[in-house]
Amino acid sequence: MKFLKNNIWTLTALLFLFCVVAVDPASADSVFTQAKSKLSDLFKNAKTVLFVIGGFGLIALAFQAIFGKVKWPWFAALAFGLAVVAAAGSIVNYATDDSKVNSSADYGDSLLGASDSQN
């Protein structure tokens, strides 16, 4: 028992290494394809919620800025932040140079025009 207790991390690492070597590479492709699909769905759904909350926030900040309760840069910062979130999928595609694999439709970009989403 003392051997197992002293070498648990070594045995865990060896077991992990054995599992990595023994797994067929084709299964990794399906796992990552499915993970990409799930994450893009999560991103689209989270972006929808963020736009709803951000829209109410924009309206509230606009009214407060008109009546002098908050500063206009706060309103501009929220509007700019929502624009960045709207273009986040395109920014990821540009940064990774992966436009053929991750199309804009995967991320549900709302800042793109109709001609961009058809490509």
C-alpha atoms as a PDB file:
ATOM      1  CA  MET A   1       0.000   0.000   0.000  1.00  0.00           C
ATOM      2  CA  LYS A   2       2.907   2.307   0.757  1.00  0.00           C
ATOM      3  CA  PHE A   3       4.246   1.798  -2.789  1.00  0.00           C
ATOM      4  CA  LEU A   4       0.902   2.784  -4.295  1.00  0.00           C
ATOM      5  CA  LYS A   5       0.613   5.770  -1.991  1.00  0.00           C
ATOM      6  CA  ASN A   6       4.128   7.028  -2.818  1.00  0.00           C
ATOM      7  CA  ASN A   7       3.869   6.493  -6.579  1.00  0.00           C
ATOM      8  CA  ILE A   8       0.262   7.417  -7.346  1.00  0.00           C
ATOM      9  CA  TRP A   9       1.202  10.328  -9.630  1.00  0.00           C
ATOM     10  CA  THR A  10       3.731   8.239 -11.559  1.00  0.00           C
ATOM     11  CA  LEU A  11       1.228   5.446 -12.070  1.00  0.00           C
ATOM     12  CA  THR A  12      -1.460   7.932 -13.103  1.00  0.00           C
ATOM     13  CA  ALA A  13       0.883   9.522 -15.648  1.00  0.00           C
ATOM     14  CA  LEU A  14       1.854   6.125 -17.063  1.00  0.00           C
ATOM     15  CA  LEU A  15      -1.796   5.085 -17.326  1.00  0.00           C
ATOM     16  CA  PHE A  16      -2.640   8.352 -19.072  1.00  0.00           C
ATOM     17  CA  LEU A  17       0.289   7.917 -21.477  1.00  0.00           C
ATOM     18  CA  PHE A  18      -0.802   4.354 -22.246  1.00  0.00           C
ATOM     19  CA  CYS A  19      -4.359   5.514 -22.955  1.00  0.00           C
ATOM     20  CA  VAL A  20      -3.133   8.282 -25.248  1.00  0.00           C
ATOM     21  CA  VAL A  21      -0.934   5.896 -27.216  1.00  0.00           C
ATOM     22  CA  ALA A  22      -3.579   3.171 -27.396  1.00  0.00           C
ATOM     23  CA  VAL A  23      -6.414   5.390 -28.672  1.00  0.00           C
ATOM     24  CA  ASP A  24      -7.032   5.437 -32.410  1.00  0.00           C
ATOM     25  CA  PRO A  25      -6.373   8.891 -33.970  1.00  0.00           C
ATOM     26  CA  ALA A  26      -9.659   8.739 -35.888  1.00  0.00           C
ATOM     27  CA  SER A  27     -11.612   8.873 -32.654  1.00  0.00           C
ATOM     28  CA  ALA A  28      -9.803  12.081 -31.683  1.00  0.00           C
ATOM     29  CA  ASP A  29     -10.996  13.704 -34.902  1.00  0.00           C
ATOM     30  CA  SER A  30     -14.616  12.908 -34.118  1.00  0.00           C
ATOM     31  CA  VAL A  31     -14.203  14.095 -30.528  1.00  0.00           C
ATOM     32  CA  PHE A  32     -12.751  17.443 -31.600  1.00  0.00           C
ATOM     33  CA  THR A  33     -15.354  17.854 -34.343  1.00  0.00           C
ATOM     34  CA  GLN A  34     -18.097  17.270 -31.819  1.00  0.00           C
ATOM     35  CA  ALA A  35     -16.428  19.595 -29.297  1.00  0.00           C
ATOM     36  CA  LYS A  36     -16.177  22.325 -31.965  1.00  0.00           C
ATOM     37  CA  SER A  37     -19.851  21.896 -32.764  1.00  0.00           C
ATOM     38  CA  LYS A  38     -20.897  22.063 -29.104  1.00  0.00           C
ATOM     39  CA  LEU A  39     -18.710  25.099 -28.398  1.00  0.00           C
ATOM     40  CA  SER A  40     -19.986  27.009 -31.425  1.00  0.00           C
ATOM     41  CA  ASP A  41     -23.573  26.286 -30.304  1.00  0.00           C
ATOM     42  CA  LEU A  42     -22.699  27.487 -26.796  1.00  0.00           C
ATOM     43  CA  PHE A  43     -21.105  30.636 -28.219  1.00  0.00           C
ATOM     44  CA  LYS A  44     -24.178  31.407 -30.353  1.00  0.00           C
ATOM     45  CA  ASN A  45     -26.561  30.893 -27.435  1.00  0.00           C
ATOM     46  CA  ALA A  46     -24.428  32.910 -25.008  1.00  0.00           C
ATOM     47  CA  LYS A  47     -24.162  35.686 -27.581  1.00  0.00           C
ATOM     48  CA  THR A  48     -27.944  35.812 -27.881  1.00  0.00           C
ATOM     49  CA  VAL A  49     -28.333  36.214 -24.129  1.00  0.00           C
ATOM     50  CA  LEU A  50     -25.562  38.808 -24.060  1.00  0.00           C
ATOM     51  CA  PHE A  51     -27.235  40.853 -26.814  1.00  0.00           C
ATOM     52  CA  VAL A  52     -30.568  40.872 -24.986  1.00  0.00           C
ATOM     53  CA  ILE A  53     -29.010  42.013 -21.716  1.00  0.00           C
ATOM     54  CA  GLY A  54     -26.695  44.427 -23.548  1.00  0.00           C
ATOM     55  CA  GLY A  55     -29.630  45.910 -25.454  1.00  0.00           C
ATOM     56  CA  PHE A  56     -31.461  46.712 -22.251  1.00  0.00           C
ATOM     57  CA  GLY A  57     -28.205  48.102 -20.869  1.00  0.00           C
ATOM     58  CA  LEU A  58     -27.758  50.339 -23.910  1.00  0.00           C
ATOM     59  CA  ILE A  59     -31.264  51.718 -23.536  1.00  0.00           C
ATOM     60  CA  ALA A  60     -30.787  52.329 -19.801  1.00  0.00           C
ATOM     61  CA  LEU A  61     -27.399  53.995 -20.302  1.00  0.00           C
ATOM     62  CA  ALA A  62     -28.751  56.136 -23.136  1.00  0.00           C
ATOM     63  CA  PHE A  63     -31.554  57.488 -20.955  1.00  0.00           C
ATOM     64  CA  GLN A  64     -29.205  58.064 -18.033  1.00  0.00           C
ATOM     65  CA  ALA A  65     -26.639  59.779 -20.260  1.00  0.00           C
ATOM     66  CA  ILE A  66     -29.309  62.045 -21.755  1.00  0.00           C
ATOM     67  CA  PHE A  67     -30.360  63.153 -18.280  1.00  0.00           C
ATOM     68  CA  GLY A  68     -26.762  63.505 -17.080  1.00  0.00           C
ATOM     69  CA  LYS A  69     -26.670  60.638 -14.588  1.00  0.00           C
ATOM     70  CA  VAL A  70     -23.792  58.777 -16.312  1.00  0.00           C
ATOM     71  CA  LYS A  71     -21.095  59.798 -18.750  1.00  0.00           C
ATOM     72  CA  TRP A  72     -21.442  59.232 -22.494  1.00  0.00           C
ATOM     73  CA  PRO A  73     -18.191  57.221 -22.711  1.00  0.00           C
ATOM     74  CA  TRP A  74     -19.869  54.471 -20.670  1.00  0.00           C
ATOM     75  CA  PHE A  75     -22.584  54.237 -23.302  1.00  0.00           C
ATOM     76  CA  ALA A  76     -19.973  54.216 -26.081  1.00  0.00           C
ATOM     77  CA  ALA A  77     -17.940  51.532 -24.301  1.00  0.00           C
ATOM     78  CA  LEU A  78     -20.966  49.234 -24.013  1.00  0.00           C
ATOM     79  CA  ALA A  79     -21.886  49.805 -27.667  1.00  0.00           C
ATOM     80  CA  PHE A  80     -18.310  49.084 -28.762  1.00  0.00           C
ATOM     81  CA  GLY A  81     -18.197  45.968 -26.582  1.00  0.00           C
ATOM     82  CA  LEU A  82     -21.372  44.623 -28.153  1.00  0.00           C
ATOM     83  CA  ALA A  83     -19.924  45.293 -31.624  1.00  0.00           C
ATOM     84  CA  VAL A  84     -16.801  43.307 -30.714  1.00  0.00           C
ATOM     85  CA  VAL A  85     -18.940  40.417 -29.468  1.00  0.00           C
ATOM     86  CA  ALA A  86     -20.942  40.557 -32.715  1.00  0.00           C
ATOM     87  CA  ALA A  87     -17.743  40.209 -34.747  1.00  0.00           C
ATOM     88  CA  ALA A  88     -15.991  37.730 -32.439  1.00  0.00           C
ATOM     89  CA  GLY A  89     -16.363  34.785 -34.832  1.00  0.00           C
ATOM     90  CA  SER A  90     -14.790  36.721 -37.683  1.00  0.00           C
ATOM     91  CA  ILE A  91     -11.999  37.895 -35.399  1.00  0.00           C
ATOM     92  CA  VAL A  92     -11.243  34.282 -34.444  1.00  0.00           C
ATOM     93  CA  ASN A  93     -11.272  33.248 -38.102  1.00  0.00           C
ATOM     94  CA  TYR A  94      -8.900  36.079 -38.999  1.00  0.00           C
ATOM     95  CA  ALA A  95      -6.519  35.377 -36.117  1.00  0.00           C
ATOM     96  CA  THR A  96      -6.338  31.649 -36.843  1.00  0.00           C
ATOM     97  CA  ASP A  97      -6.451  32.034 -40.637  1.00  0.00           C
ATOM     98  CA  ASP A  98      -9.057  29.302 -40.558  1.00  0.00           C
ATOM     99  CA  SER A  99     -11.805  30.828 -42.682  1.00  0.00           C
ATOM    100  CA  LYS A 100     -12.413  27.661 -44.708  1.00  0.00           C
ATOM    101  CA  VAL A 101     -12.884  25.423 -41.671  1.00  0.00           C
ATOM    102  CA  ASN A 102     -14.762  27.798 -39.352  1.00  0.00           C
ATOM    103  CA  SER A 103     -17.273  29.581 -41.476  1.00  0.00           C
ATOM    104  CA  SER A 104     -19.050  32.646 -40.177  1.00  0.00           C
ATOM    105  CA  ALA A 105     -22.247  30.620 -39.979  1.00  0.00           C
ATOM    106  CA  ASP A 106     -20.617  28.445 -37.296  1.00  0.00           C
ATOM    107  CA  TYR A 107     -20.369  31.371 -34.920  1.00  0.00           C
ATOM    108  CA  GLY A 108     -23.595  33.106 -35.936  1.00  0.00           C
ATOM    109  CA  ASP A 109     -21.943  36.438 -36.639  1.00  0.00           C
ATOM    110  CA  SER A 110     -24.489  39.209 -36.728  1.00  0.00           C
ATOM    111  CA  LEU A 111     -22.093  41.926 -37.876  1.00  0.00           C
ATOM    112  CA  LEU A 112     -21.524  40.356 -41.293  1.00  0.00           C
ATOM    113  CA  GLY A 113     -23.463  41.234 -44.409  1.00  0.00           C
ATOM    114  CA  ALA A 114     -25.554  38.766 -46.388  1.00  0.00           C
ATOM    115  CA  SER A 115     -22.856  38.373 -49.058  1.00  0.00           C
ATOM    116  CA  ASP A 116     -20.256  37.313 -46.452  1.00  0.00           C
ATOM    117  CA  SER A 117     -22.471  34.676 -44.869  1.00  0.00           C
ATOM    118  CA  GLN A 118     -23.142  32.954 -48.217  1.00  0.00           C
ATOM    119  CA  ASN A 119     -19.461  32.244 -48.925  1.00  0.00           C
END
